[in-house]
PDB file of N, CA and C in Angstrom:
ATOM      1  N   MET A   1       0.873  -1.279   0.104  1.00  0.00           N
ATOM      2  CA  MET A   1       0.124   0.015   0.076  1.00  0.00           C
ATOM      3  C   MET A   1       0.846   1.042  -0.131  1.00  0.00           C
ATOM      4  N   ALA A   2       0.591   2.236  -0.871  1.00  0.00           N
ATOM      5  CA  ALA A   2       1.597   3.618  -0.904  1.00  0.00           C
ATOM      6  C   ALA A   2       1.121   4.277   0.126  1.00  0.00           C
ATOM      7  N   MET A   3       2.189   4.966   0.479  1.00  0.00           N
ATOM      8  CA  MET A   3       2.243   5.770   1.912  1.00  0.00           C
ATOM      9  C   MET A   3       1.447   7.325   1.101  1.00  0.00           C
ATOM     10  N   ALA A   4       0.618   8.009   1.855  1.00  0.00           N
ATOM     11  CA  ALA A   4       0.197   9.330   1.432  1.00  0.00           C
ATOM     12  C   ALA A   4       1.110  10.276   1.872  1.00  0.00           C
ATOM     13  N   VAL A   5       1.187  11.340   0.657  1.00  0.00           N
ATOM     14  CA  VAL A   5       2.260  12.366   0.649  1.00  0.00           C
ATOM     15  C   VAL A   5       1.421  13.658   1.234  1.00  0.00           C
ATOM     16  N   PRO A   6       1.916  14.291   2.362  1.00  0.00           N
ATOM     17  CA  PRO A   6       1.240  15.257   2.699  1.00  0.00           C
ATOM     18  C   PRO A   6       1.038  16.150   1.903  1.00  0.00           C
ATOM     19  N   PRO A   7      -0.025  17.118   1.983  1.00  0.00           N
ATOM     20  CA  PRO A   7      -0.382  18.370   1.024  1.00  0.00           C
ATOM     21  C   PRO A   7       0.988  19.410   1.258  1.00  0.00           C
ATOM     22  N   ILE A   8       0.967  20.016   0.321  1.00  0.00           N
ATOM     23  CA  ILE A   8       2.274  21.366   0.243  1.00  0.00           C
ATOM     24  C   ILE A   8       1.371  22.553   0.329  1.00  0.00           C
ATOM     25  N   ASP A   9       1.600  23.421   1.372  1.00  0.00           N
ATOM     26  CA  ASP A   9       0.771  24.768   0.984  1.00  0.00           C
ATOM     27  C   ASP A   9       1.617  25.796   0.210  1.00  0.00           C
ATOM     28  N   LEU A  10       1.153  25.949  -1.057  1.00  0.00           N
ATOM     29  CA  LEU A  10       2.033  26.850  -1.725  1.00  0.00           C
ATOM     30  C   LEU A  10       1.595  28.122  -1.801  1.00  0.00           C
ATOM     31  N   THR A  11       0.695  28.816  -0.723  1.00  0.00           N
ATOM     32  CA  THR A  11       0.135  29.989  -0.919  1.00  0.00           C
ATOM     33  C   THR A  11       0.836  31.118  -0.779  1.00  0.00           C
ATOM     34  N   THR A  12       2.137  30.973  -0.104  1.00  0.00           N
ATOM     35  CA  THR A  12       3.061  31.841  -0.012  1.00  0.00           C
ATOM     36  C   THR A  12       3.572  32.153  -1.443  1.00  0.00           C
ATOM     37  N   VAL A  13       3.955  31.079  -1.974  1.00  0.00           N
ATOM     38  CA  VAL A  13       4.839  31.008  -3.109  1.00  0.00           C
ATOM     39  C   VAL A  13       3.930  31.497  -4.624  1.00  0.00           C
ATOM     40  N   LEU A  14       2.614  31.302  -4.323  1.00  0.00           N
ATOM     41  CA  LEU A  14       1.874  31.396  -5.448  1.00  0.00           C
ATOM     42  C   LEU A  14       1.191  32.869  -5.275  1.00  0.00           C
ATOM     43  N   LYS A  15       1.372  33.319  -4.220  1.00  0.00           N
ATOM     44  CA  LYS A  15       0.364  34.806  -4.070  1.00  0.00           C
ATOM     45  C   LYS A  15       0.634  35.690  -5.185  1.00  0.00           C
ATOM     46  N   ASP A  16       1.857  35.901  -5.771  1.00  0.00           N
ATOM     47  CA  ASP A  16       2.199  36.690  -6.695  1.00  0.00           C
ATOM     48  C   ASP A  16       2.099  36.128  -8.216  1.00  0.00           C
ATOM     49  N   GLY A  17       1.695  35.044  -8.242  1.00  0.00           N
ATOM     50  CA  GLY A  17       1.765  34.557  -9.586  1.00  0.00           C
ATOM     51  C   GLY A  17       0.525  34.947 -10.326  1.00  0.00           C
ATOM     52  N   PRO A  18       0.944  35.295 -11.832  1.00  0.00           N
ATOM     53  CA  PRO A  18      -0.128  35.917 -12.706  1.00  0.00           C
ATOM     54  C   PRO A  18      -1.440  34.797 -12.779  1.00  0.00           C
ATOM     55  N   ALA A  19      -2.668  35.199 -12.575  1.00  0.00           N
ATOM     56  CA  ALA A  19      -3.817  34.425 -12.767  1.00  0.00           C
ATOM     57  C   ALA A  19      -3.902  34.033 -14.334  1.00  0.00           C
ATOM     58  N   GLY A  20      -4.317  33.018 -14.546  1.00  0.00           N
ATOM     59  CA  GLY A  20      -4.465  32.659 -15.997  1.00  0.00           C
ATOM     60  C   GLY A  20      -3.158  32.061 -16.694  1.00  0.00           C
ATOM     61  N   GLU A  21      -2.222  32.232 -16.300  1.00  0.00           N
ATOM     62  CA  GLU A  21      -0.956  31.699 -16.944  1.00  0.00           C
ATOM     63  C   GLU A  21      -0.335  30.459 -16.340  1.00  0.00           C
ATOM     64  N   TRP A  22       0.624  30.280 -16.889  1.00  0.00           N
ATOM     65  CA  TRP A  22       1.458  29.055 -16.413  1.00  0.00           C
ATOM     66  C   TRP A  22       2.428  29.361 -15.405  1.00  0.00           C
ATOM     67  N   ILE A  23       2.891  28.690 -14.411  1.00  0.00           N
ATOM     68  CA  ILE A  23       3.809  29.139 -13.518  1.00  0.00           C
ATOM     69  C   ILE A  23       4.665  28.055 -13.468  1.00  0.00           C
ATOM     70  N   ALA A  24       6.159  28.217 -13.393  1.00  0.00           N
ATOM     71  CA  ALA A  24       7.320  27.245 -13.237  1.00  0.00           C
ATOM     72  C   ALA A  24       7.812  27.580 -11.878  1.00  0.00           C
ATOM     73  N   LEU A  25       7.914  26.508 -11.099  1.00  0.00           N
ATOM     74  CA  LEU A  25       8.412  26.445  -9.666  1.00  0.00           C
ATOM     75  C   LEU A  25       9.801  25.793  -9.739  1.00  0.00           C
ATOM     76  N   SER A  26      10.623  26.277  -8.641  1.00  0.00           N
ATOM     77  CA  SER A  26      11.759  25.498  -8.593  1.00  0.00           C
ATOM     78  C   SER A  26      11.467  24.321  -7.820  1.00  0.00           C
ATOM     79  N   ARG A  27      12.376  23.306  -8.151  1.00  0.00           N
ATOM     80  CA  ARG A  27      12.116  21.881  -7.660  1.00  0.00           C
ATOM     81  C   ARG A  27      12.167  21.818  -5.978  1.00  0.00           C
ATOM     82  N   ARG A  28      12.514  22.739  -5.317  1.00  0.00           N
ATOM     83  CA  ARG A  28      12.385  23.014  -4.185  1.00  0.00           C
ATOM     84  C   ARG A  28      10.799  23.449  -3.957  1.00  0.00           C
ATOM     85  N   GLU A  29      10.354  23.812  -4.917  1.00  0.00           N
ATOM     86  CA  GLU A  29       8.971  24.550  -4.372  1.00  0.00           C
ATOM     87  C   GLU A  29       8.900  25.609  -3.552  1.00  0.00           C
ATOM     88  N   ASP A  30       9.752  26.469  -3.711  1.00  0.00           N
ATOM     89  CA  ASP A  30      10.055  27.520  -2.846  1.00  0.00           C
ATOM     90  C   ASP A  30      10.101  28.920  -3.521  1.00  0.00           C
ATOM     91  N   ARG A  31       9.830  28.948  -4.894  1.00  0.00           N
ATOM     92  CA  ARG A  31       9.923  30.509  -5.737  1.00  0.00           C
ATOM     93  C   ARG A  31       9.307  29.943  -7.037  1.00  0.00           C
ATOM     94  N   ILE A  32       9.133  30.990  -7.629  1.00  0.00           N
ATOM     95  CA  ILE A  32       8.471  30.816  -9.203  1.00  0.00           C
ATOM     96  C   ILE A  32       9.745  31.339  -9.863  1.00  0.00           C
ATOM     97  N   VAL A  33      10.071  30.395 -10.801  1.00  0.00           N
ATOM     98  CA  VAL A  33      11.188  30.684 -11.598  1.00  0.00           C
ATOM     99  C   VAL A  33      11.063  30.764 -13.036  1.00  0.00           C
ATOM    100  N   GLY A  34       9.680  30.988 -13.479  1.00  0.00           N
ATOM    101  CA  GLY A  34       9.207  31.170 -14.637  1.00  0.00           C
ATOM    102  C   GLY A  34       7.682  31.539 -14.545  1.00  0.00           C
ATOM    103  N   THR A  35       7.062  32.046 -15.819  1.00  0.00           N
ATOM    104  CA  THR A  35       5.824  32.091 -16.215  1.00  0.00           C
ATOM    105  C   THR A  35       5.645  32.577 -17.709  1.00  0.00           C
ATOM    106  N   GLY A  36       4.392  32.084 -18.396  1.00  0.00           N
ATOM    107  CA  GLY A  36       4.052  32.510 -19.474  1.00  0.00           C
ATOM    108  C   GLY A  36       2.668  32.328 -19.717  1.00  0.00           C
ATOM    109  N   LYS A  37       2.442  32.873 -21.102  1.00  0.00           N
ATOM    110  CA  LYS A  37       1.108  32.421 -21.387  1.00  0.00           C
ATOM    111  C   LYS A  37       0.748  30.844 -22.043  1.00  0.00           C
ATOM    112  N   THR A  38       2.027  30.149 -22.173  1.00  0.00           N
ATOM    113  CA  THR A  38       1.788  28.838 -22.667  1.00  0.00           C
ATOM    114  C   THR A  38       2.733  27.981 -21.723  1.00  0.00           C
ATOM    115  N   LEU A  39       2.554  26.632 -21.885  1.00  0.00           N
ATOM    116  CA  LEU A  39       3.403  25.929 -21.133  1.00  0.00           C
ATOM    117  C   LEU A  39       4.933  25.961 -21.345  1.00  0.00           C
ATOM    118  N   GLU A  40       5.105  26.197 -22.943  1.00  0.00           N
ATOM    119  CA  GLU A  40       6.499  26.156 -23.278  1.00  0.00           C
ATOM    120  C   GLU A  40       7.189  27.412 -22.847  1.00  0.00           C
ATOM    121  N   GLN A  41       6.330  28.609 -22.824  1.00  0.00           N
ATOM    122  CA  GLN A  41       7.014  29.852 -22.424  1.00  0.00           C
ATOM    123  C   GLN A  41       7.611  29.737 -21.168  1.00  0.00           C
ATOM    124  N   ALA A  42       6.605  29.102 -20.140  1.00  0.00           N
ATOM    125  CA  ALA A  42       6.981  29.265 -18.756  1.00  0.00           C
ATOM    126  C   ALA A  42       8.434  27.923 -18.449  1.00  0.00           C
ATOM    127  N   ILE A  43       8.272  27.084 -19.148  1.00  0.00           N
ATOM    128  CA  ILE A  43       9.281  26.029 -19.214  1.00  0.00           C
ATOM    129  C   ILE A  43      10.858  26.697 -19.798  1.00  0.00           C
ATOM    130  N   GLN A  44      10.529  27.663 -20.582  1.00  0.00           N
ATOM    131  CA  GLN A  44      11.643  28.211 -21.079  1.00  0.00           C
ATOM    132  C   GLN A  44      12.372  29.527 -20.400  1.00  0.00           C
ATOM    133  N   VAL A  45      11.343  30.113 -19.763  1.00  0.00           N
ATOM    134  CA  VAL A  45      11.998  31.207 -18.928  1.00  0.00           C
ATOM    135  C   VAL A  45      12.420  30.236 -17.723  1.00  0.00           C
ATOM    136  N   ALA A  46      12.217  29.246 -17.057  1.00  0.00           N
ATOM    137  CA  ALA A  46      12.233  28.618 -16.162  1.00  0.00           C
ATOM    138  C   ALA A  46      13.778  28.274 -16.333  1.00  0.00           C
ATOM    139  N   ARG A  47      14.099  27.534 -17.654  1.00  0.00           N
ATOM    140  CA  ARG A  47      15.397  26.966 -17.848  1.00  0.00           C
ATOM    141  C   ARG A  47      16.322  28.061 -18.127  1.00  0.00           C
ATOM    142  N   GLU A  48      16.076  29.379 -18.578  1.00  0.00           N
ATOM    143  CA  GLU A  48      16.857  30.609 -18.560  1.00  0.00           C
ATOM    144  C   GLU A  48      17.106  31.176 -17.344  1.00  0.00           C
ATOM    145  N   ASN A  49      16.420  30.885 -16.165  1.00  0.00           N
ATOM    146  CA  ASN A  49      16.725  31.401 -15.006  1.00  0.00           C
ATOM    147  C   ASN A  49      17.725  30.056 -14.168  1.00  0.00           C
ATOM    148  N   GLY A  50      18.008  28.966 -14.939  1.00  0.00           N
ATOM    149  CA  GLY A  50      18.532  28.011 -14.269  1.00  0.00           C
ATOM    150  C   GLY A  50      18.156  26.691 -13.664  1.00  0.00           C
ATOM    151  N   GLU A  51      16.676  26.863 -13.859  1.00  0.00           N
ATOM    152  CA  GLU A  51      16.087  25.449 -13.439  1.00  0.00           C
ATOM    153  C   GLU A  51      15.927  24.452 -14.539  1.00  0.00           C
ATOM    154  N   LYS A  52      16.473  23.439 -14.536  1.00  0.00           N
ATOM    155  CA  LYS A  52      16.633  22.532 -15.486  1.00  0.00           C
ATOM    156  C   LYS A  52      15.227  21.908 -15.617  1.00  0.00           C
ATOM    157  N   GLU A  53      14.603  21.385 -14.253  1.00  0.00           N
ATOM    158  CA  GLU A  53      13.441  20.378 -14.375  1.00  0.00           C
ATOM    159  C   GLU A  53      12.448  21.393 -13.464  1.00  0.00           C
ATOM    160  N   PRO A  54      11.836  22.323 -14.084  1.00  0.00           N
ATOM    161  CA  PRO A  54      10.704  22.912 -12.959  1.00  0.00           C
ATOM    162  C   PRO A  54       9.594  22.124 -12.677  1.00  0.00           C
ATOM    163  N   ILE A  55       8.701  22.386 -11.911  1.00  0.00           N
ATOM    164  CA  ILE A  55       7.484  21.981 -11.645  1.00  0.00           C
ATOM    165  C   ILE A  55       6.358  22.975 -12.176  1.00  0.00           C
ATOM    166  N   VAL A  56       5.783  22.640 -13.094  1.00  0.00           N
ATOM    167  CA  VAL A  56       4.672  23.525 -13.685  1.00  0.00           C
ATOM    168  C   VAL A  56       3.532  23.334 -13.624  1.00  0.00           C
ATOM    169  N   MET A  57       2.579  24.275 -13.336  1.00  0.00           N
ATOM    170  CA  MET A  57       1.271  24.593 -13.082  1.00  0.00           C
ATOM    171  C   MET A  57       0.393  25.652 -13.679  1.00  0.00           C
ATOM    172  N   LYS A  58      -0.728  25.522 -13.991  1.00  0.00           N
ATOM    173  CA  LYS A  58      -1.686  26.244 -14.599  1.00  0.00           C
ATOM    174  C   LYS A  58      -2.542  26.958 -13.578  1.00  0.00           C
ATOM    175  N   VAL A  59      -2.281  28.448 -13.534  1.00  0.00           N
ATOM    176  CA  VAL A  59      -3.114  29.161 -12.275  1.00  0.00           C
ATOM    177  C   VAL A  59      -4.447  29.517 -12.855  1.00  0.00           C
ATOM    178  N   PRO A  60      -5.616  29.088 -12.418  1.00  0.00           N
ATOM    179  CA  PRO A  60      -6.925  29.541 -12.973  1.00  0.00           C
ATOM    180  C   PRO A  60      -6.963  30.934 -13.102  1.00  0.00           C
ATOM    181  N   PRO A  61      -7.993  31.645 -14.065  1.00  0.00           N
ATOM    182  CA  PRO A  61      -8.243  32.962 -14.102  1.00  0.00           C
ATOM    183  C   PRO A  61      -9.073  33.197 -13.101  1.00  0.00           C
ATOM    184  N   VAL A  62      -8.662  34.534 -12.615  1.00  0.00           N
ATOM    185  CA  VAL A  62      -9.551  35.214 -11.667  1.00  0.00           C
ATOM    186  C   VAL A  62     -10.867  34.923 -11.471  1.00  0.00           C
ATOM    187  N   SER A  63     -11.574  34.940 -12.712  1.00  0.00           N
ATOM    188  CA  SER A  63     -13.075  35.016 -12.750  1.00  0.00           C
ATOM    189  C   SER A  63     -13.509  33.575 -12.273  1.00  0.00           C
ATOM    190  N   THR A  64     -12.298  32.341 -11.983  1.00  0.00           N
ATOM    191  CA  THR A  64     -12.980  31.141 -11.436  1.00  0.00           C
ATOM    192  C   THR A  64     -12.560  31.024 -10.002  1.00  0.00           C
ATOM    193  N   LEU A  65     -12.020  31.920  -9.451  1.00  0.00           N
ATOM    194  CA  LEU A  65     -11.482  31.869  -7.997  1.00  0.00           C
ATOM    195  C   LEU A  65     -12.567  32.361  -7.082  1.00  0.00           C
ATOM    196  N   ILE A  66     -12.364  31.628  -6.115  1.00  0.00           N
ATOM    197  CA  ILE A  66     -13.264  32.068  -5.058  1.00  0.00           C
ATOM    198  C   ILE A  66     -12.698  33.287  -4.015  1.00  0.00           C
ATOM    199  N   LEU A  67     -13.307  34.486  -3.976  1.00  0.00           N
ATOM    200  CA  LEU A  67     -12.904  35.587  -3.137  1.00  0.00           C
ATOM    201  C   LEU A  67     -13.832  35.901  -1.994  1.00  0.00           C
TER     202      LEU A  67
END
């Protein structure tokens, strides 16, 4: 049976992330290393910033967020 991985709180890291865009995080998940309108752009910027294997996610548009 697989062990459950505890959830990671990325609230602080993602607070300044652009809504509706792709965000690339460092492998340590402690900072944004790239953003872009497309997945490819976010990965390219992350690699230009020295992160070879970023963790990438799409931030939902503001209109879908619960405020």
